[in-house]
C-alpha atoms as a PDB file:
ATOM      1  CA  MET A   1      -4.523  35.317 -29.651  1.00  0.00           C
ATOM      2  CA  ALA A   2      -7.343  37.195 -27.998  1.00  0.00           C
ATOM      3  CA  ARG A   3      -8.581  35.705 -24.779  1.00  0.00           C
ATOM      4  CA  SER A   4     -12.273  34.978 -24.382  1.00  0.00           C
ATOM      5  CA  SER A   5     -14.131  36.710 -21.551  1.00  0.00           C
ATOM      6  CA  ILE A   6     -15.260  33.245 -20.455  1.00  0.00           C
ATOM      7  CA  ARG A   7     -12.396  31.439 -18.784  1.00  0.00           C
ATOM      8  CA  ILE A   8     -11.960  27.696 -18.918  1.00  0.00           C
ATOM      9  CA  SER A   9     -11.300  27.808 -15.179  1.00  0.00           C
ATOM     10  CA  ASP A  10     -14.771  29.246 -14.534  1.00  0.00           C
ATOM     11  CA  GLN A  11     -15.973  25.629 -14.694  1.00  0.00           C
ATOM     12  CA  TRP A  12     -13.413  24.390 -12.153  1.00  0.00           C
ATOM     13  CA  HIS A  13     -14.094  23.869  -8.462  1.00  0.00           C
ATOM     14  CA  GLY A  14     -10.648  23.738  -6.875  1.00  0.00           C
ATOM     15  CA  MET A  15     -10.427  22.186  -3.452  1.00  0.00           C
ATOM     16  CA  LYS A  16     -14.222  21.714  -3.312  1.00  0.00           C
ATOM     17  CA  SER A  17     -13.833  18.819  -5.759  1.00  0.00           C
ATOM     18  CA  VAL A  18     -11.259  17.047  -3.567  1.00  0.00           C
ATOM     19  CA  PRO A  19     -12.459  14.607  -0.905  1.00  0.00           C
ATOM     20  CA  ALA A  20     -12.125  16.245   2.516  1.00  0.00           C
ATOM     21  CA  THR A  21      -9.811  13.467   3.688  1.00  0.00           C
ATOM     22  CA  HIS A  22      -7.262  14.376   0.960  1.00  0.00           C
ATOM     23  CA  ARG A  23      -7.368  18.178   1.029  1.00  0.00           C
ATOM     24  CA  LYS A  24      -4.538  18.701   3.500  1.00  0.00           C
ATOM     25  CA  GLU A  25      -2.115  16.512   1.524  1.00  0.00           C
ATOM     26  CA  LEU A  26      -3.022  18.180  -1.757  1.00  0.00           C
ATOM     27  CA  GLN A  27      -2.711  21.665  -0.244  1.00  0.00           C
ATOM     28  CA  LEU A  28       0.776  20.845   1.055  1.00  0.00           C
ATOM     29  CA  PHE A  29       1.788  19.751  -2.438  1.00  0.00           C
ATOM     30  CA  ILE A  30       0.318  22.885  -4.057  1.00  0.00           C
ATOM     31  CA  ASP A  31       2.010  25.114  -1.461  1.00  0.00           C
ATOM     32  CA  SER A  32       5.372  23.545  -2.372  1.00  0.00           C
ATOM     33  CA  LEU A  33       5.133  24.686  -6.012  1.00  0.00           C
ATOM     34  CA  ASP A  34       6.951  27.808  -7.219  1.00  0.00           C
ATOM     35  CA  PHE A  35       4.160  29.620  -9.080  1.00  0.00           C
ATOM     36  CA  PRO A  36       6.176  32.869  -9.506  1.00  0.00           C
ATOM     37  CA  TRP A  37       8.813  30.836 -11.394  1.00  0.00           C
ATOM     38  CA  LEU A  38       6.100  29.257 -13.552  1.00  0.00           C
ATOM     39  CA  GLN A  39       4.548  32.660 -14.299  1.00  0.00           C
ATOM     40  CA  ARG A  40       7.938  33.913 -15.519  1.00  0.00           C
ATOM     41  CA  ARG A  41       8.285  30.814 -17.756  1.00  0.00           C
ATOM     42  CA  ALA A  42       4.781  31.304 -19.183  1.00  0.00           C
ATOM     43  CA  SER A  43       5.568  34.970 -19.910  1.00  0.00           C
ATOM     44  CA  ILE A  44       8.362  33.840 -22.242  1.00  0.00           C
ATOM     45  CA  PHE A  45       5.859  31.979 -24.424  1.00  0.00           C
ATOM     46  CA  LEU A  46       2.886  34.318 -24.152  1.00  0.00           C
ATOM     47  CA  GLY A  47       4.994  37.449 -24.515  1.00  0.00           C
ATOM     48  CA  GLU A  48       3.527  39.300 -21.562  1.00  0.00           C
ATOM     49  CA  ASN A  49       3.403  39.195 -17.784  1.00  0.00           C
ATOM     50  CA  CYS A  50       1.387  36.167 -16.787  1.00  0.00           C
ATOM     51  CA  GLU A  51      -0.462  35.232 -13.654  1.00  0.00           C
ATOM     52  CA  ALA A  52      -1.491  31.780 -12.531  1.00  0.00           C
ATOM     53  CA  ARG A  53      -5.120  31.720 -11.495  1.00  0.00           C
ATOM     54  CA  THR A  54      -4.431  29.775  -8.306  1.00  0.00           C
ATOM     55  CA  ASP A  55      -7.860  30.286  -6.752  1.00  0.00           C
ATOM     56  CA  LEU A  56      -9.389  27.628  -9.006  1.00  0.00           C
ATOM     57  CA  PHE A  57      -8.048  24.419 -10.450  1.00  0.00           C
ATOM     58  CA  ALA A  58      -9.195  21.136 -11.901  1.00  0.00           C
ATOM     59  CA  VAL A  59      -7.946  17.982 -10.259  1.00  0.00           C
ATOM     60  CA  GLY A  60      -7.902  14.370 -11.282  1.00  0.00           C
ATOM     61  CA  ARG A  61      -6.243  11.229 -10.074  1.00  0.00           C
ATOM     62  CA  GLU A  62      -2.832  12.077 -11.576  1.00  0.00           C
ATOM     63  CA  HIS A  63      -2.850  15.809 -12.370  1.00  0.00           C
ATOM     64  CA  VAL A  64      -3.803  19.264 -11.181  1.00  0.00           C
ATOM     65  CA  VAL A  65      -4.547  21.867 -13.869  1.00  0.00           C
ATOM     66  CA  TYR A  66      -4.321  25.643 -13.495  1.00  0.00           C
ATOM     67  CA  GLU A  67      -5.051  28.444 -15.917  1.00  0.00           C
ATOM     68  CA  ILE A  68      -2.283  30.938 -16.713  1.00  0.00           C
ATOM     69  CA  ILE A  69      -3.578  34.292 -17.945  1.00  0.00           C
ATOM     70  CA  SER A  70      -2.046  37.393 -19.495  1.00  0.00           C
ATOM     71  CA  PRO A  71      -3.736  40.530 -20.834  1.00  0.00           C
ATOM     72  CA  SER A  72      -4.297  38.945 -24.259  1.00  0.00           C
ATOM     73  CA  ALA A  73      -3.683  35.195 -24.019  1.00  0.00           C
ATOM     74  CA  ALA A  74      -4.211  32.177 -21.828  1.00  0.00           C
ATOM     75  CA  ALA A  75      -2.514  28.856 -21.267  1.00  0.00           C
ATOM     76  CA  ILE A  76      -2.928  25.944 -18.922  1.00  0.00           C
ATOM     77  CA  VAL A  77      -0.396  24.104 -16.852  1.00  0.00           C
ATOM     78  CA  ARG A  78      -0.991  20.417 -16.212  1.00  0.00           C
ATOM     79  CA  ILE A  79       0.941  19.398 -13.112  1.00  0.00           C
ATOM     80  CA  GLN A  80       1.728  15.821 -12.234  1.00  0.00           C
ATOM     81  CA  LYS A  81       0.691  15.056  -8.671  1.00  0.00           C
ATOM     82  CA  PRO A  82       2.705  12.744  -6.473  1.00  0.00           C
ATOM     83  CA  LEU A  83       0.789   9.810  -5.059  1.00  0.00           C
ATOM     84  CA  LEU A  84      -0.908  11.619  -2.201  1.00  0.00           C
ATOM     85  CA  TRP A  85      -3.035   8.800  -0.930  1.00  0.00           C
ATOM     86  CA  GLN A  86      -3.078   5.104  -1.553  1.00  0.00           C
ATOM     87  CA  ALA A  87      -6.097   3.659  -3.280  1.00  0.00           C
ATOM     88  CA  SER A  88      -6.953   0.007  -2.880  1.00  0.00           C
ATOM     89  CA  GLY A  89      -8.192  -2.783  -5.089  1.00  0.00           C
ATOM     90  CA  SER A  90      -8.939  -1.912  -8.706  1.00  0.00           C
ATOM     91  CA  GLU A  91      -8.215   1.763  -8.004  1.00  0.00           C
ATOM     92  CA  CYS A  92      -4.603   1.071  -7.001  1.00  0.00           C
ATOM     93  CA  GLN A  93      -2.366   3.360  -9.014  1.00  0.00           C
ATOM     94  CA  SER A  94       1.225   4.119  -9.657  1.00  0.00           C
ATOM     95  CA  MET A  95       2.656   7.529 -10.360  1.00  0.00           C
ATOM     96  CA  PRO A  96       3.017   8.351 -14.065  1.00  0.00           C
ATOM     97  CA  SER A  97       6.620   8.183 -15.172  1.00  0.00           C
ATOM     98  CA  ALA A  98       8.749  10.799 -16.887  1.00  0.00           C
ATOM     99  CA  GLN A  99       8.535   8.604 -19.977  1.00  0.00           C
ATOM    100  CA  ASP A 100       4.729   8.818 -19.853  1.00  0.00           C
ATOM    101  CA  MET A 101       4.938  12.606 -20.070  1.00  0.00           C
ATOM    102  CA  CYS A 102       7.488  12.441 -22.905  1.00  0.00           C
ATOM    103  CA  ASN A 103       5.152  10.077 -24.773  1.00  0.00           C
ATOM    104  CA  GLU A 104       2.215  12.463 -24.264  1.00  0.00           C
ATOM    105  CA  ALA A 105       4.274  15.358 -25.642  1.00  0.00           C
ATOM    106  CA  ALA A 106       5.346  13.272 -28.647  1.00  0.00           C
ATOM    107  CA  THR A 107       1.714  12.303 -29.267  1.00  0.00           C
ATOM    108  CA  LEU A 108       0.596  15.946 -29.212  1.00  0.00           C
ATOM    109  CA  ARG A 109       3.331  16.851 -31.707  1.00  0.00           C
ATOM    110  CA  TYR A 110       2.492  13.907 -33.962  1.00  0.00           C
ATOM    111  CA  VAL A 111      -1.249  14.619 -34.026  1.00  0.00           C
ATOM    112  CA  SER A 112      -0.609  18.326 -34.631  1.00  0.00           C
ATOM    113  CA  ASN A 113       1.836  17.689 -37.489  1.00  0.00           C
ATOM    114  CA  ASN A 114       0.046  14.802 -39.192  1.00  0.00           C
ATOM    115  CA  THR A 115      -3.691  15.352 -38.813  1.00  0.00           C
ATOM    116  CA  THR A 116      -6.274  18.101 -38.803  1.00  0.00           C
ATOM    117  CA  ILE A 117      -7.443  17.159 -35.303  1.00  0.00           C
ATOM    118  CA  PRO A 118      -7.193  20.281 -33.131  1.00  0.00           C
ATOM    119  CA  VAL A 119      -4.774  19.805 -30.240  1.00  0.00           C
ATOM    120  CA  PRO A 120      -3.291  22.441 -27.948  1.00  0.00           C
ATOM    121  CA  HIS A 121       0.133  23.812 -28.789  1.00  0.00           C
ATOM    122  CA  LEU A 122       2.628  22.509 -26.249  1.00  0.00           C
ATOM    123  CA  TYR A 123       4.865  25.400 -25.186  1.00  0.00           C
ATOM    124  CA  GLU A 124       7.096  23.296 -22.977  1.00  0.00           C
ATOM    125  CA  TYR A 125       7.132  20.380 -20.621  1.00  0.00           C
ATOM    126  CA  ASP A 126       9.490  19.136 -17.955  1.00  0.00           C
ATOM    127  CA  PRO A 127       9.052  15.575 -16.707  1.00  0.00           C
ATOM    128  CA  ASP A 128      11.575  16.085 -13.884  1.00  0.00           C
ATOM    129  CA  ARG A 129       9.739  16.477 -10.583  1.00  0.00           C
ATOM    130  CA  PHE A 130      12.853  18.138  -9.129  1.00  0.00           C
ATOM    131  CA  ASN A 131      12.810  21.069 -11.611  1.00  0.00           C
ATOM    132  CA  PRO A 132      12.650  24.701 -10.367  1.00  0.00           C
ATOM    133  CA  PHE A 133       8.829  24.615 -10.353  1.00  0.00           C
ATOM    134  CA  GLY A 134       8.781  21.621  -8.034  1.00  0.00           C
ATOM    135  CA  ALA A 135       6.787  19.107 -10.096  1.00  0.00           C
ATOM    136  CA  ALA A 136       6.629  17.612 -13.570  1.00  0.00           C
ATOM    137  CA  TYR A 137       4.418  19.819 -15.764  1.00  0.00           C
ATOM    138  CA  MET A 138       3.159  20.572 -19.253  1.00  0.00           C
ATOM    139  CA  LEU A 139       2.542  24.192 -20.250  1.00  0.00           C
ATOM    140  CA  MET A 140       0.193  24.360 -23.204  1.00  0.00           C
ATOM    141  CA  GLU A 141      -2.166  26.540 -25.134  1.00  0.00           C
ATOM    142  CA  GLU A 142      -5.624  26.910 -23.688  1.00  0.00           C
ATOM    143  CA  MET A 143      -8.203  25.754 -26.187  1.00  0.00           C
ATOM    144  CA  GLN A 144     -11.709  27.127 -25.871  1.00  0.00           C
ATOM    145  CA  SER A 145     -14.590  24.942 -26.974  1.00  0.00           C
ATOM    146  CA  SER A 146     -16.493  26.106 -30.003  1.00  0.00           C
ATOM    147  CA  HIS A 147     -19.608  24.498 -28.550  1.00  0.00           C
ATOM    148  CA  PRO A 148     -21.678  25.916 -25.697  1.00  0.00           C
ATOM    149  CA  SER A 149     -21.235  24.189 -22.365  1.00  0.00           C
ATOM    150  CA  PRO A 150     -24.065  21.906 -21.325  1.00  0.00           C
ATOM    151  CA  SER A 151     -26.361  23.462 -18.778  1.00  0.00           C
ATOM    152  CA  ASN A 152     -26.217  22.199 -15.219  1.00  0.00           C
ATOM    153  CA  SER A 153     -29.811  21.098 -14.893  1.00  0.00           C
END
């Protein structure tokens, strides 16, 4: 699969999108991850030496997403964050469970096998937060949009 010259991660803002009060906690978590191990795992599926683009990431309430690139392919890794800060009220959250990740993987497989809805190919996932990488993750195909991105006006 040929990689587009436009990277999905070009739209990501990394730590700039994280509230200043939470950056230190998130950085400590990111620093604990074994990205060289993950790059070796990704190379098995993409067939070439891979590099995690760690300068940029997307972050949400439960996950951090990085792009993994090789000379001719790209993937993303969706990493489950621990609860880094406690929200209150209606924003109170609990950490997704290993079963949640297994259900997401099963859903991707089901949709892929039983519909024509495009979903990314799931290379592997590990719901164990004590795995060699250091967090539960899903490694999947990067899907480029066939539609132009909306302009930032």
